[in-house]
């Protein structure tokens, strides 16, 4: 599932995000969503989230589809 639509993402989901420092090379970081930071319903580059370990990035894919 794509991470561009806010309603598809919930706290506690396992996701792959791209960190700001990795935007050029596209390296993904896996983690569990702690907080959704994007307020709009969708975002073309992915919904911005904070992971439980404190890293912030944009969701590229949702791994955990409940």
N, C-alpha and C. Protein backbone atom coordinates (compact mmCIF):
# COMPACT_ATOMS: atom_id res chain seq x y z
N UNK A 1 0.85 -1.18 0.00
CA UNK A 1 0.00 0.00 0.00
C UNK A 1 0.89 1.24 0.00
N UNK A 2 0.51 2.21 -0.78
CA UNK A 2 1.26 3.45 -0.88
C UNK A 2 1.06 4.31 0.37
N UNK A 3 2.04 5.13 0.67
CA UNK A 3 1.98 5.98 1.85
C UNK A 3 1.62 7.42 1.57
N UNK A 4 0.88 7.68 0.47
CA UNK A 4 0.56 9.06 0.12
C UNK A 4 -0.80 9.50 0.64
N UNK A 5 -1.60 8.58 1.17
CA UNK A 5 -2.94 8.91 1.67
C UNK A 5 -2.97 8.72 3.20
N UNK A 6 -3.32 9.79 3.90
CA UNK A 6 -3.24 9.80 5.36
C UNK A 6 -4.12 8.75 6.03
N UNK A 7 -5.32 8.50 5.48
CA UNK A 7 -6.24 7.56 6.13
C UNK A 7 -5.75 6.11 6.05
N UNK A 8 -4.76 5.82 5.20
CA UNK A 8 -4.20 4.48 5.11
C UNK A 8 -3.17 4.20 6.19
N UNK A 9 -2.77 5.23 6.93
CA UNK A 9 -1.69 5.10 7.91
C UNK A 9 -2.24 5.31 9.31
N UNK A 10 -1.88 4.41 10.22
CA UNK A 10 -2.32 4.50 11.60
C UNK A 10 -1.13 4.32 12.53
N UNK A 11 -1.23 4.89 13.73
CA UNK A 11 -0.20 4.70 14.75
C UNK A 11 -0.10 3.21 15.04
N UNK A 12 1.13 2.69 15.13
CA UNK A 12 1.36 1.29 15.42
C UNK A 12 1.61 0.43 14.19
N UNK A 13 1.43 1.00 12.99
CA UNK A 13 1.67 0.24 11.75
C UNK A 13 3.16 0.15 11.46
N UNK A 14 3.54 -0.95 10.83
CA UNK A 14 4.91 -1.14 10.36
C UNK A 14 5.00 -0.56 8.95
N UNK A 15 5.95 0.36 8.75
CA UNK A 15 6.07 1.07 7.46
C UNK A 15 7.54 1.20 7.05
N UNK A 16 7.74 1.51 5.79
CA UNK A 16 9.05 1.90 5.27
C UNK A 16 8.98 3.39 4.98
N UNK A 17 9.95 4.14 5.51
CA UNK A 17 10.00 5.58 5.27
C UNK A 17 11.33 5.94 4.62
N UNK A 18 11.35 7.11 4.00
CA UNK A 18 12.61 7.66 3.49
C UNK A 18 12.93 8.88 4.36
N UNK A 19 14.13 8.86 4.96
CA UNK A 19 14.57 9.97 5.80
C UNK A 19 15.03 11.12 4.93
N UNK A 20 15.05 12.32 5.48
CA UNK A 20 15.48 13.52 4.75
C UNK A 20 16.87 13.31 4.13
N UNK A 21 17.79 12.73 4.91
CA UNK A 21 19.16 12.53 4.43
C UNK A 21 19.26 11.48 3.32
N UNK A 22 18.22 10.63 3.20
CA UNK A 22 18.23 9.56 2.21
C UNK A 22 17.34 9.84 0.99
N UNK A 23 16.83 11.07 0.88
CA UNK A 23 15.91 11.37 -0.21
C UNK A 23 16.57 11.22 -1.58
N UNK A 24 17.85 11.53 -1.69
CA UNK A 24 18.53 11.44 -2.98
C UNK A 24 18.78 9.99 -3.40
N UNK A 25 19.20 9.15 -2.44
CA UNK A 25 19.51 7.76 -2.80
C UNK A 25 18.32 6.82 -2.64
N UNK A 26 17.26 7.27 -1.97
CA UNK A 26 16.05 6.47 -1.85
C UNK A 26 16.11 5.34 -0.85
N UNK A 27 17.12 5.33 0.01
CA UNK A 27 17.24 4.27 1.02
C UNK A 27 16.06 4.32 1.98
N UNK A 28 15.47 3.16 2.25
CA UNK A 28 14.29 3.08 3.11
C UNK A 28 14.67 2.64 4.51
N UNK A 29 13.92 3.14 5.49
CA UNK A 29 14.09 2.78 6.89
C UNK A 29 12.78 2.19 7.38
N UNK A 30 12.87 1.02 8.01
CA UNK A 30 11.67 0.34 8.50
C UNK A 30 11.43 0.70 9.96
N UNK A 31 10.17 0.88 10.33
CA UNK A 31 9.85 1.18 11.71
C UNK A 31 8.36 1.22 11.95
N UNK A 32 8.01 1.44 13.21
CA UNK A 32 6.62 1.49 13.63
C UNK A 32 6.21 2.94 13.86
N UNK A 33 5.07 3.34 13.30
CA UNK A 33 4.59 4.71 13.37
C UNK A 33 4.24 5.07 14.82
N UNK A 34 4.83 6.17 15.32
CA UNK A 34 4.53 6.69 16.65
C UNK A 34 3.55 7.86 16.55
N UNK A 35 3.73 8.71 15.52
CA UNK A 35 2.86 9.88 15.34
C UNK A 35 2.81 10.26 13.88
N UNK A 36 1.62 10.65 13.41
CA UNK A 36 1.45 11.14 12.04
C UNK A 36 1.61 12.65 12.08
N UNK A 37 2.55 13.18 11.30
CA UNK A 37 2.87 14.61 11.35
C UNK A 37 2.19 15.42 10.25
N UNK A 38 1.84 14.80 9.12
CA UNK A 38 1.17 15.51 8.03
C UNK A 38 -0.30 15.70 8.38
N UNK A 39 -0.79 16.93 8.24
CA UNK A 39 -2.19 17.24 8.57
C UNK A 39 -3.13 17.05 7.39
N UNK A 40 -2.62 17.22 6.17
CA UNK A 40 -3.49 17.12 5.00
C UNK A 40 -3.88 15.66 4.71
N UNK A 41 -4.93 15.47 3.93
CA UNK A 41 -5.47 14.14 3.63
C UNK A 41 -4.52 13.31 2.78
N UNK A 42 -3.71 13.98 1.95
CA UNK A 42 -2.72 13.26 1.14
C UNK A 42 -1.55 14.16 0.85
N UNK A 43 -0.44 13.54 0.41
CA UNK A 43 0.76 14.28 0.06
C UNK A 43 1.47 13.49 -1.03
N UNK A 44 1.85 14.15 -2.13
CA UNK A 44 2.44 13.42 -3.27
C UNK A 44 3.76 12.71 -2.96
N UNK A 45 4.51 13.18 -1.97
CA UNK A 45 5.80 12.55 -1.63
C UNK A 45 5.68 11.59 -0.46
N UNK A 46 4.50 11.44 0.11
CA UNK A 46 4.30 10.54 1.24
C UNK A 46 3.94 11.30 2.49
N UNK A 47 3.18 10.65 3.35
CA UNK A 47 2.77 11.25 4.62
C UNK A 47 3.95 11.24 5.58
N UNK A 48 4.21 12.38 6.21
CA UNK A 48 5.34 12.49 7.14
C UNK A 48 4.94 11.91 8.49
N UNK A 49 5.80 11.03 9.03
CA UNK A 49 5.54 10.39 10.32
C UNK A 49 6.81 10.39 11.17
N UNK A 50 6.59 10.21 12.48
CA UNK A 50 7.71 9.97 13.41
C UNK A 50 7.61 8.52 13.84
N UNK A 51 8.71 7.80 13.75
CA UNK A 51 8.75 6.41 14.17
C UNK A 51 8.95 6.33 15.68
N UNK A 52 8.74 5.14 16.25
CA UNK A 52 8.90 4.95 17.69
C UNK A 52 10.32 5.24 18.15
N UNK A 53 11.31 5.08 17.27
CA UNK A 53 12.70 5.35 17.65
C UNK A 53 13.08 6.82 17.45
N UNK A 54 12.10 7.66 17.05
CA UNK A 54 12.32 9.10 16.94
C UNK A 54 12.68 9.60 15.55
N UNK A 55 12.95 8.71 14.61
CA UNK A 55 13.29 9.14 13.25
C UNK A 55 12.04 9.67 12.54
N UNK A 56 12.25 10.70 11.71
CA UNK A 56 11.15 11.33 10.98
C UNK A 56 11.40 11.20 9.49
N UNK A 57 10.35 10.83 8.75
CA UNK A 57 10.48 10.71 7.31
C UNK A 57 9.11 10.54 6.67
N UNK A 58 9.12 10.38 5.36
CA UNK A 58 7.88 10.23 4.60
C UNK A 58 7.65 8.76 4.26
N UNK A 59 6.40 8.32 4.45
CA UNK A 59 6.05 6.92 4.22
C UNK A 59 6.08 6.61 2.72
N UNK A 60 6.83 5.58 2.36
CA UNK A 60 6.89 5.12 0.98
C UNK A 60 6.02 3.88 0.79
N UNK A 61 5.91 3.04 1.81
CA UNK A 61 5.04 1.88 1.72
C UNK A 61 4.63 1.42 3.12
N UNK A 62 3.42 0.89 3.19
CA UNK A 62 2.89 0.33 4.43
C UNK A 62 3.12 -1.17 4.36
N UNK A 63 3.84 -1.72 5.33
CA UNK A 63 4.12 -3.15 5.35
C UNK A 63 2.99 -3.88 6.08
N UNK A 64 2.53 -3.29 7.16
CA UNK A 64 1.54 -3.91 8.03
C UNK A 64 0.14 -3.43 7.64
N UNK A 65 -0.56 -4.22 6.83
CA UNK A 65 -1.91 -3.87 6.40
C UNK A 65 -2.90 -4.69 7.22
N UNK A 66 -3.40 -4.11 8.29
CA UNK A 66 -4.28 -4.85 9.20
C UNK A 66 -5.58 -5.24 8.57
